[in-house]
Amino acid sequence: MGRTSRTAARAAIVALLLALPALVAWQAQSPAAPEAADTALVGPDVVLVLTDDQSLEAVERMPYVSSRTDWHTFSHAFVNNSLCCPARATTLTGQYDTRTGVVHNLATGAFQDGQTLPVWLQQAGYRTGHFGKYLNGYPSVFG
């Protein structure tokens, strides 16, 4: 990846993270979806932010993100494939890359997006949303 594309990617990530508080506030004020109106949510709010190529130095320059003390951290977590698409597919499914079918960034067509965290949250009564990149080629390679 060239320096220009890395800079553009970092700028997009920073813009997304800076917009996150506004998105959360908008979601909190918007009325419940019609299908979920009769169902009270029993769990806490969930916000999952995934970024690519993020250094600790970049996070330190994000005042909102770096000042928070109530984040959940996963100090014993590991990833079996750190490429962006395989890692994202693993995070969304809880499965290794060999099970998701996403073993590199160009092999996303075999991914079964019907069995992912957002789907499970929806089935539990949560309203979900997605902003930004999902997997390379999405949605065109997914039909």
N, C-alpha and C. Protein backbone atom coordinates (compact mmCIF):
# COMPACT_ATOMS: atom_id res chain seq x y z
N MET A 1 0.86 -1.17 0.00
CA MET A 1 0.00 0.00 0.00
C MET A 1 0.90 1.23 0.00
N GLY A 2 0.63 2.15 -0.90
CA GLY A 2 1.44 3.35 -1.00
C GLY A 2 1.16 4.33 0.12
N ARG A 3 2.08 5.29 0.25
CA ARG A 3 1.94 6.28 1.33
C ARG A 3 0.66 7.09 1.20
N THR A 4 0.29 7.46 -0.04
CA THR A 4 -0.92 8.25 -0.26
C THR A 4 -2.16 7.48 0.16
N SER A 5 -2.24 6.20 -0.21
CA SER A 5 -3.42 5.42 0.15
C SER A 5 -3.47 5.15 1.65
N ARG A 6 -2.31 4.99 2.30
CA ARG A 6 -2.30 4.83 3.76
C ARG A 6 -2.78 6.09 4.44
N THR A 7 -2.34 7.25 3.94
CA THR A 7 -2.77 8.52 4.51
C THR A 7 -4.28 8.71 4.32
N ALA A 8 -4.79 8.38 3.14
CA ALA A 8 -6.22 8.49 2.89
C ALA A 8 -7.01 7.54 3.78
N ALA A 9 -6.50 6.33 3.96
CA ALA A 9 -7.18 5.35 4.82
C ALA A 9 -7.20 5.84 6.26
N ARG A 10 -6.09 6.37 6.73
CA ARG A 10 -6.05 6.88 8.11
C ARG A 10 -7.00 8.07 8.28
N ALA A 11 -7.06 8.93 7.27
CA ALA A 11 -7.97 10.08 7.34
C ALA A 11 -9.42 9.61 7.40
N ALA A 12 -9.75 8.58 6.63
CA ALA A 12 -11.12 8.05 6.65
C ALA A 12 -11.44 7.43 8.00
N ILE A 13 -10.49 6.75 8.59
CA ILE A 13 -10.70 6.13 9.90
C ILE A 13 -10.89 7.20 10.96
N VAL A 14 -10.07 8.24 10.92
CA VAL A 14 -10.21 9.33 11.88
C VAL A 14 -11.57 10.00 11.72
N ALA A 15 -12.01 10.21 10.49
CA ALA A 15 -13.31 10.83 10.25
C ALA A 15 -14.43 9.96 10.80
N LEU A 16 -14.33 8.65 10.61
CA LEU A 16 -15.34 7.74 11.13
C LEU A 16 -15.38 7.78 12.65
N LEU A 17 -14.21 7.73 13.28
CA LEU A 17 -14.18 7.75 14.74
C LEU A 17 -14.65 9.08 15.31
N LEU A 18 -14.37 10.17 14.61
CA LEU A 18 -14.84 11.46 15.07
C LEU A 18 -16.36 11.58 14.91
N ALA A 19 -16.91 10.90 13.92
CA ALA A 19 -18.36 10.93 13.69
C ALA A 19 -19.11 9.97 14.60
N LEU A 20 -18.40 9.05 15.22
CA LEU A 20 -19.05 8.02 16.04
C LEU A 20 -19.93 8.60 17.15
N PRO A 21 -19.48 9.58 17.93
CA PRO A 21 -20.37 10.13 18.97
C PRO A 21 -21.67 10.69 18.40
N ALA A 22 -21.61 11.34 17.25
CA ALA A 22 -22.82 11.88 16.63
C ALA A 22 -23.73 10.75 16.17
N LEU A 23 -23.16 9.67 15.63
CA LEU A 23 -23.96 8.53 15.21
C LEU A 23 -24.64 7.87 16.39
N VAL A 24 -23.92 7.73 17.49
CA VAL A 24 -24.50 7.13 18.69
C VAL A 24 -25.63 8.01 19.23
N ALA A 25 -25.43 9.33 19.26
CA ALA A 25 -26.47 10.24 19.73
C ALA A 25 -27.68 10.19 18.82
N TRP A 26 -27.47 10.13 17.51
CA TRP A 26 -28.58 10.03 16.56
C TRP A 26 -29.35 8.75 16.78
N GLN A 27 -28.66 7.65 16.98
CA GLN A 27 -29.32 6.36 17.19
C GLN A 27 -30.14 6.39 18.47
N ALA A 28 -29.63 7.02 19.49
CA ALA A 28 -30.33 7.08 20.77
C ALA A 28 -31.60 7.91 20.67
N GLN A 29 -31.64 8.91 19.78
CA GLN A 29 -32.81 9.78 19.66
C GLN A 29 -33.81 9.30 18.64
N SER A 30 -33.40 8.44 17.71
CA SER A 30 -34.31 8.00 16.66
C SER A 30 -35.31 6.99 17.22
N PRO A 31 -36.54 7.00 16.69
CA PRO A 31 -37.56 6.09 17.22
C PRO A 31 -37.20 4.64 16.92
N ALA A 32 -37.75 3.75 17.73
CA ALA A 32 -37.49 2.32 17.55
C ALA A 32 -38.03 1.86 16.21
N ALA A 33 -37.36 0.89 15.63
CA ALA A 33 -37.82 0.31 14.38
C ALA A 33 -39.19 -0.33 14.61
N PRO A 34 -40.10 -0.30 13.61
CA PRO A 34 -41.45 -0.82 13.81
C PRO A 34 -41.46 -2.27 14.29
N GLU A 35 -40.60 -3.12 13.73
CA GLU A 35 -40.60 -4.52 14.14
C GLU A 35 -40.06 -4.73 15.54
N ALA A 36 -39.34 -3.77 16.08
CA ALA A 36 -38.78 -3.90 17.42
C ALA A 36 -39.53 -3.05 18.44
N ALA A 37 -40.58 -2.36 18.01
CA ALA A 37 -41.28 -1.43 18.90
C ALA A 37 -41.89 -2.13 20.10
N ASP A 38 -42.35 -3.36 19.93
CA ASP A 38 -42.99 -4.08 21.03
C ASP A 38 -42.00 -4.83 21.89
N THR A 39 -40.75 -4.86 21.49
CA THR A 39 -39.75 -5.64 22.20
C THR A 39 -38.80 -4.71 22.93
N ALA A 40 -38.73 -4.84 24.23
CA ALA A 40 -37.79 -4.03 25.01
C ALA A 40 -36.42 -4.69 24.96
N LEU A 41 -35.40 -3.90 24.73
CA LEU A 41 -34.05 -4.45 24.73
C LEU A 41 -33.67 -4.81 26.15
N VAL A 42 -33.11 -5.99 26.31
CA VAL A 42 -32.73 -6.43 27.64
C VAL A 42 -31.24 -6.27 27.90
N GLY A 43 -30.49 -5.98 26.88
CA GLY A 43 -29.05 -5.88 27.05
C GLY A 43 -28.53 -4.47 26.92
N PRO A 44 -27.25 -4.30 27.10
CA PRO A 44 -26.63 -2.97 26.98
C PRO A 44 -26.46 -2.57 25.52
N ASP A 45 -26.19 -1.29 25.29
CA ASP A 45 -25.85 -0.83 23.94
C ASP A 45 -24.52 -1.45 23.55
N VAL A 46 -24.38 -1.76 22.27
CA VAL A 46 -23.15 -2.35 21.75
C VAL A 46 -22.68 -1.51 20.58
N VAL A 47 -21.46 -1.03 20.65
CA VAL A 47 -20.83 -0.32 19.54
C VAL A 47 -19.52 -1.02 19.26
N LEU A 48 -19.39 -1.55 18.06
CA LEU A 48 -18.17 -2.24 17.66
C LEU A 48 -17.50 -1.42 16.57
N VAL A 49 -16.29 -0.97 16.83
CA VAL A 49 -15.54 -0.19 15.87
C VAL A 49 -14.32 -0.99 15.45
N LEU A 50 -14.21 -1.24 14.16
CA LEU A 50 -13.05 -1.94 13.62
C LEU A 50 -12.30 -0.98 12.70
N THR A 51 -11.00 -0.92 12.86
CA THR A 51 -10.19 -0.07 11.99
C THR A 51 -9.04 -0.89 11.44
N ASP A 52 -8.54 -0.48 10.30
CA ASP A 52 -7.40 -1.13 9.68
C ASP A 52 -6.17 -0.23 9.84
N ASP A 53 -5.04 -0.86 9.99
CA ASP A 53 -3.75 -0.15 9.98
C ASP A 53 -3.70 1.01 10.96
N GLN A 54 -4.24 0.79 12.15
CA GLN A 54 -4.28 1.84 13.16
C GLN A 54 -3.12 1.65 14.12
N SER A 55 -2.32 2.66 14.31
CA SER A 55 -1.21 2.59 15.26
C SER A 55 -1.65 3.20 16.59
N LEU A 56 -0.95 2.85 17.66
CA LEU A 56 -1.24 3.47 18.95
C LEU A 56 -1.00 4.97 18.91
N GLU A 57 -0.03 5.38 18.11
CA GLU A 57 0.26 6.81 17.96
C GLU A 57 -0.95 7.54 17.36
N ALA A 58 -1.62 6.92 16.40
CA ALA A 58 -2.81 7.54 15.81
C ALA A 58 -3.94 7.63 16.82
N VAL A 59 -4.12 6.60 17.64
CA VAL A 59 -5.17 6.61 18.65
C VAL A 59 -4.90 7.70 19.69
N GLU A 60 -3.65 7.91 20.05
CA GLU A 60 -3.30 8.94 21.02
C GLU A 60 -3.69 10.33 20.53
N ARG A 61 -3.82 10.51 19.22
CA ARG A 61 -4.19 11.80 18.66
C ARG A 61 -5.70 11.98 18.54
N MET A 62 -6.46 11.03 19.02
CA MET A 62 -7.91 11.11 19.01
C MET A 62 -8.38 11.35 20.44
N PRO A 63 -8.65 12.60 20.80
CA PRO A 63 -8.94 12.92 22.20
C PRO A 63 -10.09 12.12 22.79
N TYR A 64 -11.18 11.96 22.06
CA TYR A 64 -12.33 11.24 22.61
C TYR A 64 -11.97 9.78 22.87
N VAL A 65 -11.35 9.16 21.90
CA VAL A 65 -11.01 7.74 22.02
C VAL A 65 -9.97 7.51 23.11
N SER A 66 -8.92 8.30 23.11
CA SER A 66 -7.83 8.07 24.07
C SER A 66 -8.17 8.50 25.49
N SER A 67 -9.19 9.34 25.68
CA SER A 67 -9.53 9.79 27.03
C SER A 67 -10.50 8.87 27.75
N ARG A 68 -11.13 7.97 27.03
CA ARG A 68 -12.13 7.08 27.64
C ARG A 68 -11.44 6.07 28.56
N THR A 69 -12.07 5.77 29.67
CA THR A 69 -11.53 4.77 30.60
C THR A 69 -12.47 3.59 30.77
N ASP A 70 -13.63 3.64 30.11
CA ASP A 70 -14.61 2.58 30.29
C ASP A 70 -14.68 1.59 29.12
N TRP A 71 -13.64 1.56 28.29
CA TRP A 71 -13.61 0.60 27.18
C TRP A 71 -13.41 -0.81 27.72
N HIS A 72 -13.96 -1.76 27.02
CA HIS A 72 -13.64 -3.16 27.32
C HIS A 72 -12.40 -3.49 26.53
N THR A 73 -11.42 -4.06 27.17
CA THR A 73 -10.20 -4.44 26.46
C THR A 73 -10.06 -5.95 26.49
N PHE A 74 -9.44 -6.46 25.47
CA PHE A 74 -9.23 -7.89 25.34
C PHE A 74 -7.73 -8.15 25.37
N SER A 75 -7.18 -8.23 26.57
CA SER A 75 -5.72 -8.30 26.72
C SER A 75 -5.16 -9.66 26.34
N HIS A 76 -5.99 -10.67 26.23
CA HIS A 76 -5.50 -12.00 25.86
C HIS A 76 -6.04 -12.43 24.50
N ALA A 77 -6.46 -11.49 23.69
CA ALA A 77 -6.99 -11.81 22.37
C ALA A 77 -5.86 -12.01 21.38
N PHE A 78 -6.15 -12.78 20.36
CA PHE A 78 -5.19 -12.97 19.28
C PHE A 78 -5.96 -13.16 17.98
N VAL A 79 -5.28 -13.02 16.88
CA VAL A 79 -5.90 -13.20 15.58
C VAL A 79 -5.03 -14.18 14.79
N ASN A 80 -5.68 -15.10 14.10
CA ASN A 80 -4.88 -16.08 13.35
C ASN A 80 -4.49 -15.57 11.97
N ASN A 81 -5.17 -14.55 11.46
CA ASN A 81 -4.85 -13.98 10.16
C ASN A 81 -5.11 -12.48 10.26
N SER A 82 -4.07 -11.68 10.26
CA SER A 82 -4.23 -10.25 10.52
C SER A 82 -4.54 -9.42 9.28
N LEU A 83 -4.72 -10.03 8.13
CA LEU A 83 -5.17 -9.26 6.97
C LEU A 83 -6.56 -8.72 7.25
N CYS A 84 -6.91 -7.57 6.66
CA CYS A 84 -8.14 -6.90 7.07
C CYS A 84 -9.40 -7.74 6.86
N CYS A 85 -9.62 -8.31 5.69
CA CYS A 85 -10.86 -9.06 5.45
C CYS A 85 -10.94 -10.35 6.27
N PRO A 86 -9.89 -11.18 6.32
CA PRO A 86 -9.98 -12.36 7.18
C PRO A 86 -10.20 -12.01 8.65
N ALA A 87 -9.52 -10.98 9.14
CA ALA A 87 -9.69 -10.59 10.54
C ALA A 87 -11.10 -10.09 10.80
N ARG A 88 -11.66 -9.31 9.87
CA ARG A 88 -13.02 -8.81 10.02
C ARG A 88 -14.04 -9.95 10.01
N ALA A 89 -13.86 -10.90 9.09
CA ALA A 89 -14.77 -12.04 9.01
C ALA A 89 -14.70 -12.87 10.29
N THR A 90 -13.49 -13.04 10.83
CA THR A 90 -13.33 -13.78 12.09
C THR A 90 -14.01 -13.04 13.23
N THR A 91 -13.86 -11.73 13.30
CA THR A 91 -14.50 -10.94 14.35
C THR A 91 -16.02 -11.03 14.26
N LEU A 92 -16.56 -11.01 13.06
CA LEU A 92 -18.01 -11.03 12.87
C LEU A 92 -18.64 -12.39 13.11
N THR A 93 -17.84 -13.47 12.99
CA THR A 93 -18.41 -14.81 13.12
C THR A 93 -17.89 -15.59 14.31
N GLY A 94 -16.69 -15.24 14.80
CA GLY A 94 -16.07 -16.03 15.86
C GLY A 94 -15.40 -17.27 15.33
N GLN A 95 -15.21 -17.36 14.01
CA GLN A 95 -14.62 -18.54 13.40
C GLN A 95 -13.27 -18.21 12.77
N TYR A 96 -12.42 -19.23 12.66
CA TYR A 96 -11.15 -19.06 11.98
C TYR A 96 -11.37 -18.77 10.49
N ASP A 97 -10.36 -18.20 9.87
CA ASP A 97 -10.46 -17.87 8.45
C ASP A 97 -10.73 -19.09 7.58
N THR A 98 -10.23 -20.25 7.95
CA THR A 98 -10.47 -21.45 7.16
C THR A 98 -11.93 -21.89 7.22
N ARG A 99 -12.66 -21.48 8.26
CA ARG A 99 -14.09 -21.79 8.38
C ARG A 99 -14.95 -20.73 7.70
N THR A 100 -14.51 -19.47 7.72
CA THR A 100 -15.30 -18.41 7.08
C THR A 100 -15.13 -18.41 5.57
N GLY A 101 -14.04 -19.00 5.08
CA GLY A 101 -13.75 -18.98 3.65
C GLY A 101 -13.02 -17.73 3.21
N VAL A 102 -12.75 -16.82 4.13
CA VAL A 102 -12.06 -15.57 3.81
C VAL A 102 -10.62 -15.72 4.31
N VAL A 103 -9.76 -16.25 3.46
CA VAL A 103 -8.39 -16.53 3.86
C VAL A 103 -7.41 -15.45 3.39
N HIS A 104 -7.87 -14.58 2.50
CA HIS A 104 -7.09 -13.40 2.12
C HIS A 104 -8.05 -12.32 1.65
N ASN A 105 -7.55 -11.15 1.36
CA ASN A 105 -8.41 -9.99 1.09
C ASN A 105 -9.22 -10.09 -0.19
N LEU A 106 -8.86 -10.98 -1.09
CA LEU A 106 -9.61 -11.11 -2.34
C LEU A 106 -10.55 -12.30 -2.33
N ALA A 107 -10.55 -13.08 -1.27
CA ALA A 107 -11.39 -14.28 -1.19
C ALA A 107 -12.57 -14.05 -0.27
N THR A 108 -13.45 -13.12 -0.64
CA THR A 108 -14.58 -12.80 0.23
C THR A 108 -15.89 -13.39 -0.26
N GLY A 109 -15.92 -13.93 -1.47
CA GLY A 109 -17.17 -14.42 -2.06
C GLY A 109 -17.77 -15.61 -1.35
N ALA A 110 -16.98 -16.41 -0.63
CA ALA A 110 -17.50 -17.59 0.05
C ALA A 110 -18.07 -17.26 1.43
N PHE A 111 -17.93 -16.01 1.87
CA PHE A 111 -18.37 -15.62 3.20
C PHE A 111 -19.88 -15.71 3.32
N GLN A 112 -20.36 -16.35 4.36
CA GLN A 112 -21.80 -16.48 4.64
C GLN A 112 -22.19 -15.41 5.65
N ASP A 113 -22.69 -14.28 5.15
CA ASP A 113 -22.96 -13.17 6.06
C ASP A 113 -24.28 -13.31 6.81
N GLY A 114 -24.98 -14.42 6.67
CA GLY A 114 -26.21 -14.65 7.42
C GLY A 114 -25.97 -15.17 8.82
N GLN A 115 -24.74 -15.56 9.11
CA GLN A 115 -24.38 -16.08 10.44
C GLN A 115 -23.28 -15.21 11.04
N THR A 116 -23.66 -13.98 11.38
CA THR A 116 -22.68 -13.02 11.90
C THR A 116 -23.24 -12.30 13.13
N LEU A 117 -22.38 -11.61 13.82
CA LEU A 117 -22.77 -10.87 15.02
C LEU A 117 -23.95 -9.93 14.78
N PRO A 118 -23.96 -9.13 13.70
CA PRO A 118 -25.12 -8.25 13.50
C PRO A 118 -26.44 -9.03 13.37
N VAL A 119 -26.41 -10.15 12.69
CA VAL A 119 -27.62 -10.96 12.54
C VAL A 119 -28.07 -11.50 13.89
N TRP A 120 -27.14 -11.98 14.69
CA TRP A 120 -27.48 -12.51 16.02
C TRP A 120 -28.03 -11.41 16.91
N LEU A 121 -27.45 -10.20 16.82
CA LEU A 121 -27.96 -9.08 17.61
C LEU A 121 -29.38 -8.71 17.17
N GLN A 122 -29.64 -8.71 15.85
CA GLN A 122 -30.98 -8.42 15.36
C GLN A 122 -31.98 -9.46 15.87
N GLN A 123 -31.59 -10.72 15.87
CA GLN A 123 -32.47 -11.78 16.35
C GLN A 123 -32.76 -11.63 17.85
N ALA A 124 -31.86 -10.97 18.57
CA ALA A 124 -32.05 -10.74 20.00
C ALA A 124 -32.82 -9.45 20.27
N GLY A 125 -33.25 -8.74 19.20
CA GLY A 125 -34.04 -7.54 19.39
C GLY A 125 -33.29 -6.24 19.23
N TYR A 126 -32.01 -6.30 18.91
CA TYR A 126 -31.23 -5.08 18.72
C TYR A 126 -31.46 -4.51 17.32
N ARG A 127 -31.32 -3.21 17.22
CA ARG A 127 -31.30 -2.54 15.93
C ARG A 127 -29.83 -2.33 15.57
N THR A 128 -29.43 -2.73 14.39
CA THR A 128 -28.02 -2.65 14.02
C THR A 128 -27.84 -1.71 12.83
N GLY A 129 -26.62 -1.26 12.66
CA GLY A 129 -26.26 -0.42 11.53
C GLY A 129 -24.81 -0.65 11.18
N HIS A 130 -24.45 -0.33 9.97
CA HIS A 130 -23.07 -0.50 9.52
C HIS A 130 -22.66 0.73 8.75
N PHE A 131 -21.49 1.24 9.04
CA PHE A 131 -20.95 2.40 8.36
C PHE A 131 -19.54 2.06 7.91
N GLY A 132 -19.25 2.24 6.65
CA GLY A 132 -17.90 2.00 6.16
C GLY A 132 -17.75 0.66 5.49
N LYS A 133 -16.53 0.19 5.50
CA LYS A 133 -16.15 -1.03 4.78
C LYS A 133 -16.60 -2.27 5.54
N TYR A 134 -17.13 -3.24 4.81
CA TYR A 134 -17.54 -4.53 5.39
C TYR A 134 -16.49 -5.57 4.98
N LEU A 135 -16.53 -5.99 3.75
CA LEU A 135 -15.49 -6.86 3.17
C LEU A 135 -15.24 -6.37 1.75
N ASN A 136 -14.06 -6.62 1.22
CA ASN A 136 -13.76 -6.23 -0.15
C ASN A 136 -14.76 -6.89 -1.09
N GLY A 137 -15.31 -6.11 -2.01
CA GLY A 137 -16.26 -6.63 -2.98
C GLY A 137 -17.70 -6.67 -2.50
N TYR A 138 -17.96 -6.31 -1.24
CA TYR A 138 -19.32 -6.34 -0.73
C TYR A 138 -20.06 -5.10 -1.20
N PRO A 139 -21.27 -5.18 -1.69
CA PRO A 139 -22.13 -6.34 -1.77
C PRO A 139 -22.09 -7.06 -3.10
N SER A 140 -21.33 -6.56 -4.08
CA SER A 140 -21.41 -7.12 -5.43
C SER A 140 -21.07 -8.61 -5.49
N VAL A 141 -20.07 -9.07 -4.79
CA VAL A 141 -19.72 -10.49 -4.86
C VAL A 141 -20.63 -11.37 -4.02
N PHE A 142 -21.54 -10.74 -3.26
CA PHE A 142 -22.44 -11.49 -2.41
C PHE A 142 -23.82 -11.67 -3.05
N GLY A 143 -23.97 -11.20 -4.27
CA GLY A 143 -25.25 -11.38 -4.97
C GLY A 143 -26.24 -10.35 -4.57
